[in-house]
Protein backbone atom coordinates (compact mmCIF):
# COMPACT_ATOMS: atom_id res chain seq x y z
CA MET A 1 0.00 0.00 0.00
CA ASN A 2 1.15 3.53 -0.66
CA THR A 3 0.95 6.33 1.92
CA GLU A 4 -2.48 7.54 0.82
CA GLU A 5 -3.95 4.02 0.93
CA VAL A 6 -2.54 3.48 4.43
CA ALA A 7 -3.94 6.84 5.59
CA LYS A 8 -7.39 5.94 4.29
CA LYS A 9 -7.22 2.54 6.00
CA VAL A 10 -6.18 4.19 9.30
CA VAL A 11 -9.19 6.52 9.07
CA GLU A 12 -11.46 3.57 8.26
CA VAL A 13 -10.45 1.59 11.36
CA VAL A 14 -10.27 4.64 13.65
CA ARG A 15 -13.85 5.53 12.69
CA LYS A 16 -14.74 2.18 14.24
CA GLN A 17 -12.64 3.09 17.29
CA ALA A 18 -10.47 0.06 16.51
CA TRP A 19 -7.35 1.68 17.96
CA TYR A 20 -5.25 -1.51 18.07
CA ASP A 21 -6.10 -2.39 14.46
CA ALA A 22 -4.96 1.10 13.45
CA LEU A 23 -1.68 0.59 15.31
CA ASP A 24 -1.05 -2.58 13.30
CA LEU A 25 -0.87 -0.44 10.15
CA TYR A 26 2.14 1.51 11.46
CA ASP A 27 5.82 0.57 11.34
CA ASP A 28 7.36 -1.15 14.38
CA ASN A 29 9.48 1.98 14.91
CA ILE A 30 6.48 4.30 15.32
CA VAL A 31 7.05 7.48 17.34
CA SER A 32 4.12 9.14 19.12
CA VAL A 33 4.78 12.72 20.25
CA GLU A 34 2.64 14.61 22.75
CA ALA A 35 2.64 18.39 23.02
CA TYR A 36 3.11 18.12 26.78
CA SER A 37 4.48 15.38 29.00
CA ALA A 38 3.03 15.00 32.47
CA GLY A 39 5.57 14.37 35.18
CA GLY A 40 8.48 15.87 33.27
CA GLY A 41 9.19 12.76 31.21
CA SER A 42 9.83 12.65 27.49
CA PRO A 43 6.89 13.66 25.30
CA GLU A 44 7.95 10.88 22.89
CA THR A 45 6.82 7.28 23.02
CA ARG A 46 8.76 4.95 20.72
CA GLY A 47 7.80 1.57 19.29
CA LYS A 48 4.53 -0.29 18.96
CA GLU A 49 4.63 -1.68 22.50
CA GLY A 50 5.00 1.82 23.96
CA VAL A 51 2.19 3.19 21.81
CA ARG A 52 0.06 0.14 22.68
CA GLY A 53 0.55 1.14 26.33
CA LYS A 54 -0.72 4.65 25.53
CA ILE A 55 -3.77 3.13 23.84
CA ASP A 56 -4.39 0.92 26.90
CA TRP A 57 -4.22 3.98 29.15
CA TRP A 58 -6.53 6.01 26.90
CA VAL A 59 -9.14 3.25 26.58
CA ASN A 60 -9.22 2.74 30.36
CA ALA A 61 -9.04 6.41 31.38
CA MET A 62 -11.39 8.10 28.92
CA GLU A 63 -15.07 7.86 28.15
CA VAL A 64 -15.80 8.78 24.54
CA HIS A 65 -19.25 10.32 24.07
CA SER A 66 -18.89 11.18 20.40
CA PHE A 67 -16.25 10.55 17.79
CA LYS A 68 -16.36 11.53 14.13
CA PRO A 69 -13.12 11.73 12.11
CA ARG A 70 -13.72 13.21 8.68
CA THR A 71 -10.70 12.78 6.38
CA ALA A 72 -7.32 11.17 6.07
CA VAL A 73 -4.43 13.58 6.45
CA ARG A 74 -0.98 13.00 5.07
CA SER A 75 2.03 15.21 4.89
CA ARG A 76 3.58 16.08 1.59
CA ARG A 77 7.32 16.13 1.27
CA THR A 78 8.80 18.92 -0.73
CA PRO A 79 11.87 18.12 -2.85
């Protein structure tokens, strides 16, 4: 799959709130970056296992009342 196809697939599974299925579409070396890190730790989480831990925390800590992603977003590299 090319980048656009992967982005569309991510949106498709996220719309179903299938967070772990979406994670499976990413590379093993995924990096998740938060704008702010509680407790003074690194805002970066590296690797699928680390990101899976973030998903576990989110699923157990949050109650989603409404969720409606609209489009796939991808960055464009300039030469």
